[in-house]
PDB file of N, CA and C in Angstrom:
ATOM      1  N   UNK A   1     -26.825  24.107  16.942  1.00  0.00           N
ATOM      2  CA  UNK A   1     -27.564  24.543  18.109  1.00  0.00           C
ATOM      3  C   UNK A   1     -27.413  26.040  18.257  1.00  0.00           C
ATOM      4  N   UNK A   2     -28.480  26.704  18.659  1.00  0.00           N
ATOM      5  CA  UNK A   2     -28.503  28.142  18.850  1.00  0.00           C
ATOM      6  C   UNK A   2     -28.954  28.428  20.271  1.00  0.00           C
ATOM      7  N   UNK A   3     -28.106  29.063  21.052  1.00  0.00           N
ATOM      8  CA  UNK A   3     -28.423  29.391  22.434  1.00  0.00           C
ATOM      9  C   UNK A   3     -28.580  30.894  22.557  1.00  0.00           C
ATOM     10  N   UNK A   4     -29.691  31.338  23.106  1.00  0.00           N
ATOM     11  CA  UNK A   4     -29.938  32.754  23.345  1.00  0.00           C
ATOM     12  C   UNK A   4     -29.876  32.971  24.848  1.00  0.00           C
ATOM     13  N   UNK A   5     -28.955  33.813  25.274  1.00  0.00           N
ATOM     14  CA  UNK A   5     -28.753  34.084  26.696  1.00  0.00           C
ATOM     15  C   UNK A   5     -29.103  35.540  26.961  1.00  0.00           C
ATOM     16  N   UNK A   6     -29.928  35.774  27.949  1.00  0.00           N
ATOM     17  CA  UNK A   6     -30.194  37.130  28.404  1.00  0.00           C
ATOM     18  C   UNK A   6     -29.397  37.333  29.676  1.00  0.00           C
ATOM     19  N   UNK A   7     -28.273  37.974  29.581  1.00  0.00           N
ATOM     20  CA  UNK A   7     -27.379  38.148  30.718  1.00  0.00           C
ATOM     21  C   UNK A   7     -25.951  37.907  30.272  1.00  0.00           C
ATOM     22  N   UNK A   8     -25.083  37.597  31.210  1.00  0.00           N
ATOM     23  CA  UNK A   8     -23.673  37.377  30.899  1.00  0.00           C
ATOM     24  C   UNK A   8     -23.476  36.081  30.124  1.00  0.00           C
ATOM     25  N   UNK A   9     -22.457  36.057  29.289  1.00  0.00           N
ATOM     26  CA  UNK A   9     -22.133  34.859  28.517  1.00  0.00           C
ATOM     27  C   UNK A   9     -20.680  34.496  28.776  1.00  0.00           C
ATOM     28  N   UNK A  10     -20.414  33.222  28.910  1.00  0.00           N
ATOM     29  CA  UNK A  10     -19.047  32.725  29.084  1.00  0.00           C
ATOM     30  C   UNK A  10     -18.634  31.991  27.830  1.00  0.00           C
ATOM     31  N   UNK A  11     -17.362  31.986  27.560  1.00  0.00           N
ATOM     32  CA  UNK A  11     -16.852  31.308  26.364  1.00  0.00           C
ATOM     33  C   UNK A  11     -16.640  29.825  26.646  1.00  0.00           C
ATOM     34  N   UNK A  12     -17.034  29.012  25.684  1.00  0.00           N
ATOM     35  CA  UNK A  12     -16.862  27.572  25.767  1.00  0.00           C
ATOM     36  C   UNK A  12     -16.182  27.095  24.497  1.00  0.00           C
ATOM     37  N   UNK A  13     -15.297  26.141  24.634  1.00  0.00           N
ATOM     38  CA  UNK A  13     -14.589  25.596  23.480  1.00  0.00           C
ATOM     39  C   UNK A  13     -15.590  25.003  22.482  1.00  0.00           C
ATOM     40  N   UNK A  14     -15.403  25.304  21.207  1.00  0.00           N
ATOM     41  CA  UNK A  14     -16.257  24.756  20.159  1.00  0.00           C
ATOM     42  C   UNK A  14     -17.510  25.559  19.895  1.00  0.00           C
ATOM     43  N   UNK A  15     -17.649  26.701  20.555  1.00  0.00           N
ATOM     44  CA  UNK A  15     -18.815  27.538  20.337  1.00  0.00           C
ATOM     45  C   UNK A  15     -18.367  28.918  19.886  1.00  0.00           C
ATOM     46  N   UNK A  16     -19.227  29.577  19.152  1.00  0.00           N
ATOM     47  CA  UNK A  16     -18.996  30.971  18.808  1.00  0.00           C
ATOM     48  C   UNK A  16     -19.941  31.787  19.669  1.00  0.00           C
ATOM     49  N   UNK A  17     -19.400  32.677  20.491  1.00  0.00           N
ATOM     50  CA  UNK A  17     -20.190  33.459  21.426  1.00  0.00           C
ATOM     51  C   UNK A  17     -20.262  34.908  20.958  1.00  0.00           C
ATOM     52  N   UNK A  18     -21.455  35.458  20.936  1.00  0.00           N
ATOM     53  CA  UNK A  18     -21.672  36.845  20.549  1.00  0.00           C
ATOM     54  C   UNK A  18     -22.347  37.579  21.693  1.00  0.00           C
ATOM     55  N   UNK A  19     -21.882  38.774  21.975  1.00  0.00           N
ATOM     56  CA  UNK A  19     -22.583  39.633  22.926  1.00  0.00           C
ATOM     57  C   UNK A  19     -22.639  41.027  22.322  1.00  0.00           C
ATOM     58  N   UNK A  20     -23.550  41.832  22.796  1.00  0.00           N
ATOM     59  CA  UNK A  20     -23.776  43.179  22.261  1.00  0.00           C
ATOM     60  C   UNK A  20     -24.042  43.112  20.754  1.00  0.00           C
ATOM     61  N   UNK A  21     -24.865  42.159  20.351  1.00  0.00           N
ATOM     62  CA  UNK A  21     -25.085  41.940  18.921  1.00  0.00           C
ATOM     63  C   UNK A  21     -25.856  43.073  18.262  1.00  0.00           C
ATOM     64  N   UNK A  22     -26.492  43.906  19.052  1.00  0.00           N
ATOM     65  CA  UNK A  22     -27.328  44.949  18.485  1.00  0.00           C
ATOM     66  C   UNK A  22     -26.663  46.324  18.458  1.00  0.00           C
ATOM     67  N   UNK A  23     -25.409  46.407  18.857  1.00  0.00           N
ATOM     68  CA  UNK A  23     -24.739  47.693  18.973  1.00  0.00           C
ATOM     69  C   UNK A  23     -24.688  48.413  17.629  1.00  0.00           C
ATOM     70  N   UNK A  24     -25.204  49.634  17.624  1.00  0.00           N
ATOM     71  CA  UNK A  24     -25.114  50.542  16.471  1.00  0.00           C
ATOM     72  C   UNK A  24     -25.763  50.016  15.197  1.00  0.00           C
ATOM     73  N   UNK A  25     -26.788  49.188  15.312  1.00  0.00           N
ATOM     74  CA  UNK A  25     -27.503  48.703  14.138  1.00  0.00           C
ATOM     75  C   UNK A  25     -28.940  49.224  14.158  1.00  0.00           C
ATOM     76  N   UNK A  26     -29.492  49.448  12.964  1.00  0.00           N
ATOM     77  CA  UNK A  26     -30.904  49.808  12.883  1.00  0.00           C
ATOM     78  C   UNK A  26     -31.747  48.605  13.293  1.00  0.00           C
ATOM     79  N   UNK A  27     -33.030  48.806  13.470  1.00  0.00           N
ATOM     80  CA  UNK A  27     -33.914  47.703  13.835  1.00  0.00           C
ATOM     81  C   UNK A  27     -33.895  46.615  12.762  1.00  0.00           C
ATOM     82  N   UNK A  28     -33.893  47.022  11.494  1.00  0.00           N
ATOM     83  CA  UNK A  28     -33.805  46.041  10.415  1.00  0.00           C
ATOM     84  C   UNK A  28     -32.468  45.309  10.467  1.00  0.00           C
ATOM     85  N   UNK A  29     -31.394  46.033  10.727  1.00  0.00           N
ATOM     86  CA  UNK A  29     -30.078  45.411  10.848  1.00  0.00           C
ATOM     87  C   UNK A  29     -30.018  44.416  11.991  1.00  0.00           C
ATOM     88  N   UNK A  30     -30.666  44.743  13.096  1.00  0.00           N
ATOM     89  CA  UNK A  30     -30.724  43.831  14.237  1.00  0.00           C
ATOM     90  C   UNK A  30     -31.487  42.562  13.867  1.00  0.00           C
ATOM     91  N   UNK A  31     -32.606  42.729  13.149  1.00  0.00           N
ATOM     92  CA  UNK A  31     -33.392  41.579  12.712  1.00  0.00           C
ATOM     93  C   UNK A  31     -32.578  40.704  11.760  1.00  0.00           C
ATOM     94  N   UNK A  32     -31.902  41.348  10.798  1.00  0.00           N
ATOM     95  CA  UNK A  32     -31.089  40.593   9.846  1.00  0.00           C
ATOM     96  C   UNK A  32     -29.936  39.877  10.540  1.00  0.00           C
ATOM     97  N   UNK A  33     -29.389  40.488  11.573  1.00  0.00           N
ATOM     98  CA  UNK A  33     -28.327  39.828  12.312  1.00  0.00           C
ATOM     99  C   UNK A  33     -28.861  38.583  13.019  1.00  0.00           C
ATOM    100  N   UNK A  34     -30.065  38.656  13.554  1.00  0.00           N
ATOM    101  CA  UNK A  34     -30.693  37.485  14.151  1.00  0.00           C
ATOM    102  C   UNK A  34     -30.881  36.369  13.134  1.00  0.00           C
ATOM    103  N   UNK A  35     -31.276  36.734  11.909  1.00  0.00           N
ATOM    104  CA  UNK A  35     -31.413  35.739  10.842  1.00  0.00           C
ATOM    105  C   UNK A  35     -30.054  35.127  10.502  1.00  0.00           C
ATOM    106  N   UNK A  36     -29.024  35.962  10.495  1.00  0.00           N
ATOM    107  CA  UNK A  36     -27.663  35.482  10.236  1.00  0.00           C
ATOM    108  C   UNK A  36     -27.250  34.452  11.282  1.00  0.00           C
ATOM    109  N   UNK A  37     -27.517  34.744  12.550  1.00  0.00           N
ATOM    110  CA  UNK A  37     -27.176  33.796  13.614  1.00  0.00           C
ATOM    111  C   UNK A  37     -27.938  32.490  13.453  1.00  0.00           C
ATOM    112  N   UNK A  38     -29.200  32.581  13.108  1.00  0.00           N
ATOM    113  CA  UNK A  38     -30.003  31.374  12.904  1.00  0.00           C
ATOM    114  C   UNK A  38     -29.408  30.531  11.777  1.00  0.00           C
ATOM    115  N   UNK A  39     -29.024  31.173  10.691  1.00  0.00           N
ATOM    116  CA  UNK A  39     -28.422  30.443   9.559  1.00  0.00           C
ATOM    117  C   UNK A  39     -27.099  29.810   9.961  1.00  0.00           C
ATOM    118  N   UNK A  40     -26.269  30.547  10.681  1.00  0.00           N
ATOM    119  CA  UNK A  40     -24.972  30.013  11.123  1.00  0.00           C
ATOM    120  C   UNK A  40     -25.136  28.838  12.069  1.00  0.00           C
ATOM    121  N   UNK A  41     -26.252  28.820  12.817  1.00  0.00           N
ATOM    122  CA  UNK A  41     -26.454  27.759  13.799  1.00  0.00           C
ATOM    123  C   UNK A  41     -26.686  26.406  13.139  1.00  0.00           C
ATOM    124  N   UNK A  42     -26.909  26.388  11.838  1.00  0.00           N
ATOM    125  CA  UNK A  42     -27.091  25.123  11.128  1.00  0.00           C
ATOM    126  C   UNK A  42     -25.789  24.352  11.017  1.00  0.00           C
ATOM    127  N   UNK A  43     -24.655  25.064  11.085  1.00  0.00           N
ATOM    128  CA  UNK A  43     -23.351  24.416  10.926  1.00  0.00           C
ATOM    129  C   UNK A  43     -22.434  24.593  12.132  1.00  0.00           C
ATOM    130  N   UNK A  44     -22.785  25.490  13.063  1.00  0.00           N
ATOM    131  CA  UNK A  44     -21.934  25.772  14.208  1.00  0.00           C
ATOM    132  C   UNK A  44     -22.795  25.995  15.445  1.00  0.00           C
ATOM    133  N   UNK A  45     -22.226  25.775  16.610  1.00  0.00           N
ATOM    134  CA  UNK A  45     -22.895  26.145  17.850  1.00  0.00           C
ATOM    135  C   UNK A  45     -22.723  27.643  18.041  1.00  0.00           C
ATOM    136  N   UNK A  46     -23.814  28.332  18.243  1.00  0.00           N
ATOM    137  CA  UNK A  46     -23.805  29.780  18.399  1.00  0.00           C
ATOM    138  C   UNK A  46     -24.390  30.119  19.764  1.00  0.00           C
ATOM    139  N   UNK A  47     -23.719  31.012  20.485  1.00  0.00           N
ATOM    140  CA  UNK A  47     -24.246  31.523  21.752  1.00  0.00           C
ATOM    141  C   UNK A  47     -24.390  33.032  21.602  1.00  0.00           C
ATOM    142  N   UNK A  48     -25.602  33.523  21.826  1.00  0.00           N
ATOM    143  CA  UNK A  48     -25.886  34.948  21.690  1.00  0.00           C
ATOM    144  C   UNK A  48     -26.310  35.479  23.051  1.00  0.00           C
ATOM    145  N   UNK A  49     -25.694  36.557  23.481  1.00  0.00           N
ATOM    146  CA  UNK A  49     -26.147  37.249  24.691  1.00  0.00           C
ATOM    147  C   UNK A  49     -26.863  38.509  24.229  1.00  0.00           C
ATOM    148  N   UNK A  50     -28.162  38.564  24.423  1.00  0.00           N
ATOM    149  CA  UNK A  50     -28.925  39.714  23.948  1.00  0.00           C
ATOM    150  C   UNK A  50     -30.175  39.932  24.784  1.00  0.00           C
ATOM    151  N   UNK A  51     -30.588  41.164  24.834  1.00  0.00           N
ATOM    152  CA  UNK A  51     -31.889  41.535  25.364  1.00  0.00           C
ATOM    153  C   UNK A  51     -32.668  42.257  24.272  1.00  0.00           C
ATOM    154  N   UNK A  52     -32.290  42.022  23.021  1.00  0.00           N
ATOM    155  CA  UNK A  52     -32.845  42.721  21.877  1.00  0.00           C
ATOM    156  C   UNK A  52     -33.990  41.925  21.265  1.00  0.00           C
ATOM    157  N   UNK A  53     -35.172  42.507  21.280  1.00  0.00           N
ATOM    158  CA  UNK A  53     -36.338  41.789  20.763  1.00  0.00           C
ATOM    159  C   UNK A  53     -36.279  41.589  19.255  1.00  0.00           C
ATOM    160  N   UNK A  54     -35.586  42.448  18.506  1.00  0.00           N
ATOM    161  CA  UNK A  54     -35.492  42.280  17.051  1.00  0.00           C
ATOM    162  C   UNK A  54     -34.637  41.057  16.708  1.00  0.00           C
ATOM    163  N   UNK A  55     -33.529  40.896  17.400  1.00  0.00           N
ATOM    164  CA  UNK A  55     -32.674  39.719  17.208  1.00  0.00           C
ATOM    165  C   UNK A  55     -33.452  38.462  17.596  1.00  0.00           C
ATOM    166  N   UNK A  56     -34.101  38.512  18.750  1.00  0.00           N
ATOM    167  CA  UNK A  56     -34.855  37.357  19.243  1.00  0.00           C
ATOM    168  C   UNK A  56     -35.998  36.990  18.296  1.00  0.00           C
ATOM    169  N   UNK A  57     -36.735  37.992  17.819  1.00  0.00           N
ATOM    170  CA  UNK A  57     -37.845  37.708  16.919  1.00  0.00           C
ATOM    171  C   UNK A  57     -37.384  37.170  15.573  1.00  0.00           C
ATOM    172  N   UNK A  58     -36.213  37.570  15.116  1.00  0.00           N
ATOM    173  CA  UNK A  58     -35.668  37.011  13.873  1.00  0.00           C
ATOM    174  C   UNK A  58     -35.405  35.517  14.032  1.00  0.00           C
ATOM    175  N   UNK A  59     -34.937  35.123  15.190  1.00  0.00           N
ATOM    176  CA  UNK A  59     -34.719  33.701  15.460  1.00  0.00           C
ATOM    177  C   UNK A  59     -36.059  32.975  15.492  1.00  0.00           C
ATOM    178  N   UNK A  60     -37.057  33.586  16.112  1.00  0.00           N
ATOM    179  CA  UNK A  60     -38.397  32.993  16.141  1.00  0.00           C
ATOM    180  C   UNK A  60     -38.947  32.829  14.726  1.00  0.00           C
ATOM    181  N   UNK A  61     -38.752  33.832  13.880  1.00  0.00           N
ATOM    182  CA  UNK A  61     -39.214  33.754  12.484  1.00  0.00           C
ATOM    183  C   UNK A  61     -38.485  32.635  11.756  1.00  0.00           C
ATOM    184  N   UNK A  62     -37.194  32.493  11.988  1.00  0.00           N
ATOM    185  CA  UNK A  62     -36.424  31.415  11.355  1.00  0.00           C
ATOM    186  C   UNK A  62     -36.964  30.040  11.741  1.00  0.00           C
ATOM    187  N   UNK A  63     -37.400  29.907  12.979  1.00  0.00           N
ATOM    188  CA  UNK A  63     -38.022  28.654  13.417  1.00  0.00           C
ATOM    189  C   UNK A  63     -39.367  28.478  12.720  1.00  0.00           C
ATOM    190  N   UNK A  64     -40.167  29.540  12.672  1.00  0.00           N
ATOM    191  CA  UNK A  64     -41.480  29.467  12.030  1.00  0.00           C
ATOM    192  C   UNK A  64     -41.358  29.124  10.549  1.00  0.00           C
ATOM    193  N   UNK A  65     -40.292  29.600   9.912  1.00  0.00           N
ATOM    194  CA  UNK A  65     -40.067  29.311   8.489  1.00  0.00           C
ATOM    195  C   UNK A  65     -39.519  27.907   8.263  1.00  0.00           C
ATOM    196  N   UNK A  66     -39.163  27.216   9.335  1.00  0.00           N
ATOM    197  CA  UNK A  66     -38.621  25.873   9.210  1.00  0.00           C
ATOM    198  C   UNK A  66     -37.132  25.830   8.917  1.00  0.00           C
ATOM    199  N   UNK A  67     -36.457  26.971   9.012  1.00  0.00           N
ATOM    200  CA  UNK A  67     -35.014  27.013   8.772  1.00  0.00           C
ATOM    201  C   UNK A  67     -34.227  26.438   9.939  1.00  0.00           C
ATOM    202  N   UNK A  68     -34.765  26.585  11.138  1.00  0.00           N
ATOM    203  CA  UNK A  68     -34.137  26.090  12.355  1.00  0.00           C
ATOM    204  C   UNK A  68     -35.188  25.279  13.112  1.00  0.00           C
ATOM    205  N   UNK A  69     -34.785  24.132  13.636  1.00  0.00           N
ATOM    206  CA  UNK A  69     -35.708  23.309  14.431  1.00  0.00           C
ATOM    207  C   UNK A  69     -35.864  23.933  15.815  1.00  0.00           C
ATOM    208  N   UNK A  70     -37.095  23.959  16.327  1.00  0.00           N
ATOM    209  CA  UNK A  70     -37.281  24.562  17.655  1.00  0.00           C
ATOM    210  C   UNK A  70     -36.466  23.877  18.744  1.00  0.00           C
ATOM    211  N   UNK A  71     -36.264  22.568  18.624  1.00  0.00           N
ATOM    212  CA  UNK A  71     -35.482  21.857  19.645  1.00  0.00           C
ATOM    213  C   UNK A  71     -33.991  22.178  19.570  1.00  0.00           C
ATOM    214  N   UNK A  72     -33.566  22.856  18.507  1.00  0.00           N
ATOM    215  CA  UNK A  72     -32.171  23.272  18.383  1.00  0.00           C
ATOM    216  C   UNK A  72     -31.917  24.656  18.965  1.00  0.00           C
ATOM    217  N   UNK A  73     -32.948  25.281  19.500  1.00  0.00           N
ATOM    218  CA  UNK A  73     -32.814  26.608  20.117  1.00  0.00           C
ATOM    219  C   UNK A  73     -32.952  26.451  21.627  1.00  0.00           C
ATOM    220  N   UNK A  74     -31.956  26.905  22.352  1.00  0.00           N
ATOM    221  CA  UNK A  74     -31.989  26.909  23.812  1.00  0.00           C
ATOM    222  C   UNK A  74     -32.077  28.352  24.277  1.00  0.00           C
ATOM    223  N   UNK A  75     -32.998  28.629  25.166  1.00  0.00           N
ATOM    224  CA  UNK A  75     -33.159  29.982  25.709  1.00  0.00           C
ATOM    225  C   UNK A  75     -32.840  29.941  27.194  1.00  0.00           C
ATOM    226  N   UNK A  76     -31.937  30.803  27.620  1.00  0.00           N
ATOM    227  CA  UNK A  76     -31.596  30.939  29.036  1.00  0.00           C
ATOM    228  C   UNK A  76     -31.882  32.375  29.436  1.00  0.00           C
ATOM    229  N   UNK A  77     -32.769  32.546  30.382  1.00  0.00           N
ATOM    230  CA  UNK A  77     -33.165  33.876  30.837  1.00  0.00           C
ATOM    231  C   UNK A  77     -32.820  34.016  32.306  1.00  0.00           C
ATOM    232  N   UNK A  78     -31.877  34.920  32.574  1.00  0.00           N
ATOM    233  CA  UNK A  78     -31.482  35.156  33.960  1.00  0.00           C
ATOM    234  C   UNK A  78     -32.459  36.136  34.593  1.00  0.00           C
ATOM    235  N   UNK A  79     -33.165  35.668  35.610  1.00  0.00           N
ATOM    236  CA  UNK A  79     -34.145  36.493  36.317  1.00  0.00           C
ATOM    237  C   UNK A  79     -33.466  37.154  37.506  1.00  0.00           C
ATOM    238  N   UNK A  80     -33.137  38.421  37.333  1.00  0.00           N
ATOM    239  CA  UNK A  80     -32.445  39.159  38.379  1.00  0.00           C
ATOM    240  C   UNK A  80     -33.300  39.317  39.628  1.00  0.00           C
ATOM    241  N   UNK A  81     -34.624  39.374  39.455  1.00  0.00           N
ATOM    242  CA  UNK A  81     -35.495  39.618  40.608  1.00  0.00           C
ATOM    243  C   UNK A  81     -35.475  38.469  41.611  1.00  0.00           C
ATOM    244  N   UNK A  82     -35.221  37.249  41.153  1.00  0.00           N
ATOM    245  CA  UNK A  82     -35.189  36.109  42.070  1.00  0.00           C
ATOM    246  C   UNK A  82     -33.887  35.313  41.968  1.00  0.00           C
ATOM    247  N   UNK A  83     -32.896  35.880  41.261  1.00  0.00           N
ATOM    248  CA  UNK A  83     -31.581  35.260  41.124  1.00  0.00           C
ATOM    249  C   UNK A  83     -31.704  33.801  40.665  1.00  0.00           C
ATOM    250  N   UNK A  84     -32.357  33.620  39.531  1.00  0.00           N
ATOM    251  CA  UNK A  84     -32.619  32.281  39.000  1.00  0.00           C
ATOM    252  C   UNK A  84     -32.557  32.310  37.476  1.00  0.00           C
ATOM    253  N   UNK A  85     -32.161  31.193  36.885  1.00  0.00           N
ATOM    254  CA  UNK A  85     -32.162  31.060  35.425  1.00  0.00           C
ATOM    255  C   UNK A  85     -33.410  30.308  35.014  1.00  0.00           C
ATOM    256  N   UNK A  86     -34.165  30.888  34.103  1.00  0.00           N
ATOM    257  CA  UNK A  86     -35.362  30.266  33.549  1.00  0.00           C
ATOM    258  C   UNK A  86     -35.038  29.745  32.154  1.00  0.00           C
ATOM    259  N   UNK A  87     -35.771  28.777  31.714  1.00  0.00           N
ATOM    260  CA  UNK A  87     -35.533  28.198  30.400  1.00  0.00           C
ATOM    261  C   UNK A  87     -36.786  28.047  29.575  1.00  0.00           C
ATOM    262  N   UNK A  88     -37.396  29.175  29.132  1.00  0.00           N
ATOM    263  CA  UNK A  88     -38.534  29.036  28.236  1.00  0.00           C
ATOM    264  C   UNK A  88     -38.113  28.236  26.997  1.00  0.00           C
ATOM    265  N   UNK A  89     -39.030  27.465  26.446  1.00  0.00           N
ATOM    266  CA  UNK A  89     -38.694  26.640  25.285  1.00  0.00           C
ATOM    267  C   UNK A  89     -39.280  27.219  24.017  1.00  0.00           C
ATOM    268  N   UNK A  90     -38.505  27.106  22.937  1.00  0.00           N
ATOM    269  CA  UNK A  90     -38.982  27.472  21.615  1.00  0.00           C
ATOM    270  C   UNK A  90     -39.867  26.336  21.118  1.00  0.00           C
ATOM    271  N   UNK A  91     -41.017  26.682  20.554  1.00  0.00           N
ATOM    272  CA  UNK A  91     -41.964  25.692  20.042  1.00  0.00           C
ATOM    273  C   UNK A  91     -42.155  25.902  18.535  1.00  0.00           C
ATOM    274  N   UNK A  92     -42.865  24.978  17.933  1.00  0.00           N
ATOM    275  CA  UNK A  92     -43.163  25.100  16.505  1.00  0.00           C
ATOM    276  C   UNK A  92     -43.799  26.456  16.220  1.00  0.00           C
ATOM    277  N   UNK A  93     -43.552  26.955  15.051  1.00  0.00           N
ATOM    278  CA  UNK A  93     -44.121  28.236  14.662  1.00  0.00           C
ATOM    279  C   UNK A  93     -43.433  29.423  15.307  1.00  0.00           C
ATOM    280  N   UNK A  94     -42.301  29.193  16.008  1.00  0.00           N
ATOM    281  CA  UNK A  94     -41.585  30.277  16.664  1.00  0.00           C
ATOM    282  C   UNK A  94     -42.232  30.736  17.954  1.00  0.00           C
ATOM    283  N   UNK A  95     -43.168  29.953  18.441  1.00  0.00           N
ATOM    284  CA  UNK A  95     -43.825  30.314  19.689  1.00  0.00           C
ATOM    285  C   UNK A  95     -42.935  29.948  20.882  1.00  0.00           C
ATOM    286  N   UNK A  96     -43.198  30.606  22.002  1.00  0.00           N
ATOM    287  CA  UNK A  96     -42.478  30.348  23.243  1.00  0.00           C
ATOM    288  C   UNK A  96     -43.471  29.714  24.209  1.00  0.00           C
ATOM    289  N   UNK A  97     -43.038  28.659  24.935  1.00  0.00           N
ATOM    290  CA  UNK A  97     -43.991  27.925  25.777  1.00  0.00           C
ATOM    291  C   UNK A  97     -44.492  28.740  26.965  1.00  0.00           C
ATOM    292  N   UNK A  98     -43.685  29.629  27.517  1.00  0.00           N
ATOM    293  CA  UNK A  98     -44.161  30.547  28.557  1.00  0.00           C
ATOM    294  C   UNK A  98     -43.238  31.756  28.621  1.00  0.00           C
ATOM    295  N   UNK A  99     -43.781  32.853  29.101  1.00  0.00           N
ATOM    296  CA  UNK A  99     -43.049  34.114  29.146  1.00  0.00           C
ATOM    297  C   UNK A  99     -42.872  34.537  30.607  1.00  0.00           C
ATOM    298  N   UNK A 100     -41.688  34.292  31.179  1.00  0.00           N
ATOM    299  CA  UNK A 100     -41.460  34.755  32.559  1.00  0.00           C
ATOM    300  C   UNK A 100     -41.531  36.281  32.634  1.00  0.00           C
ATOM    301  N   UNK A 101     -41.846  36.784  33.792  1.00  0.00           N
ATOM    302  CA  UNK A 101     -41.863  38.227  33.996  1.00  0.00           C
ATOM    303  C   UNK A 101     -40.502  38.806  33.629  1.00  0.00           C
ATOM    304  N   UNK A 102     -40.508  39.878  32.820  1.00  0.00           N
ATOM    305  CA  UNK A 102     -39.272  40.536  32.410  1.00  0.00           C
ATOM    306  C   UNK A 102     -38.653  39.969  31.154  1.00  0.00           C
ATOM    307  N   UNK A 103     -39.256  38.947  30.570  1.00  0.00           N
ATOM    308  CA  UNK A 103     -38.704  38.284  29.383  1.00  0.00           C
ATOM    309  C   UNK A 103     -39.303  38.907  28.130  1.00  0.00           C
ATOM    310  N   UNK A 104     -38.561  39.826  27.506  1.00  0.00           N
ATOM    311  CA  UNK A 104     -38.993  40.489  26.280  1.00  0.00           C
ATOM    312  C   UNK A 104     -40.426  41.007  26.391  1.00  0.00           C
ATOM    313  N   UNK A 105     -40.747  41.662  27.523  1.00  0.00           N
ATOM    314  CA  UNK A 105     -42.107  42.137  27.720  1.00  0.00           C
ATOM    315  C   UNK A 105     -42.213  43.656  27.872  1.00  0.00           C
ATOM    316  N   UNK A 106     -41.122  44.375  27.702  1.00  0.00           N
ATOM    317  CA  UNK A 106     -41.155  45.817  27.921  1.00  0.00           C
ATOM    318  C   UNK A 106     -42.056  46.532  26.927  1.00  0.00           C
ATOM    319  N   UNK A 107     -42.051  46.104  25.666  1.00  0.00           N
ATOM    320  CA  UNK A 107     -42.894  46.735  24.644  1.00  0.00           C
ATOM    321  C   UNK A 107     -44.368  46.643  25.069  1.00  0.00           C
ATOM    322  N   UNK A 108     -44.796  45.448  25.451  1.00  0.00           N
ATOM    323  CA  UNK A 108     -46.177  45.240  25.880  1.00  0.00           C
ATOM    324  C   UNK A 108     -46.476  46.053  27.143  1.00  0.00           C
ATOM    325  N   UNK A 109     -45.548  46.080  28.068  1.00  0.00           N
ATOM    326  CA  UNK A 109     -45.744  46.852  29.297  1.00  0.00           C
ATOM    327  C   UNK A 109     -45.920  48.337  29.001  1.00  0.00           C
ATOM    328  N   UNK A 110     -45.110  48.865  28.084  1.00  0.00           N
ATOM    329  CA  UNK A 110     -45.205  50.281  27.725  1.00  0.00           C
ATOM    330  C   UNK A 110     -46.541  50.577  27.039  1.00  0.00           C
ATOM    331  N   UNK A 111     -46.986  49.674  26.156  1.00  0.00           N
ATOM    332  CA  UNK A 111     -48.282  49.883  25.499  1.00  0.00           C
ATOM    333  C   UNK A 111     -49.419  49.853  26.510  1.00  0.00           C
ATOM    334  N   UNK A 112     -49.350  48.950  27.470  1.00  0.00           N
ATOM    335  CA  UNK A 112     -50.364  48.903  28.523  1.00  0.00           C
ATOM    336  C   UNK A 112     -50.409  50.235  29.301  1.00  0.00           C
ATOM    337  N   UNK A 113     -49.234  50.775  29.602  1.00  0.00           N
ATOM    338  CA  UNK A 113     -49.167  52.051  30.313  1.00  0.00           C
ATOM    339  C   UNK A 113     -49.803  53.172  29.480  1.00  0.00           C
ATOM    340  N   UNK A 114     -49.508  53.185  28.173  1.00  0.00           N
ATOM    341  CA  UNK A 114     -50.090  54.205  27.292  1.00  0.00           C
ATOM    342  C   UNK A 114     -51.614  54.092  27.248  1.00  0.00           C
ATOM    343  N   UNK A 115     -52.097  52.863  27.166  1.00  0.00           N
ATOM    344  CA  UNK A 115     -53.551  52.663  27.130  1.00  0.00           C
ATOM    345  C   UNK A 115     -54.214  53.119  28.422  1.00  0.00           C
ATOM    346  N   UNK A 116     -53.557  52.905  29.546  1.00  0.00           N
ATOM    347  CA  UNK A 116     -54.097  53.335  30.824  1.00  0.00           C
ATOM    348  C   UNK A 116     -54.136  54.850  30.939  1.00  0.00           C
ATOM    349  N   UNK A 117     -53.184  55.518  30.285  1.00  0.00           N
ATOM    350  CA  UNK A 117     -53.079  56.973  30.381  1.00  0.00           C
ATOM    351  C   UNK A 117     -53.976  57.707  29.394  1.00  0.00           C
ATOM    352  N   UNK A 118     -54.542  56.992  28.440  1.00  0.00           N
ATOM    353  CA  UNK A 118     -55.373  57.684  27.434  1.00  0.00           C
ATOM    354  C   UNK A 118     -56.841  57.356  27.616  1.00  0.00           C
TER     355      UNK A 118
END
């Protein structure tokens, strides 16, 4: 099982918990680390605390490639604006069933702003 947490992570017996997985890595390194976590999740429970889209997208690609089953990926997104935890689901092809506001959307938001300004 692979759990992706956006926010704080607590340690649980029998799980390997990672936080700050993207520290000091290039974008390619972050993506490769996400692939590493996906591969490790085949034999161990992995908990990742990240807000890094490269790590997250590597996990999505691993699902799309059939390396990880979508039902084996749990996503927990802490919504600070309403003090609530959301649980978007991973679907076949690495798709996400819905995207709550603030969930890996900054890139799109910035592009929208650029388009409005030009």
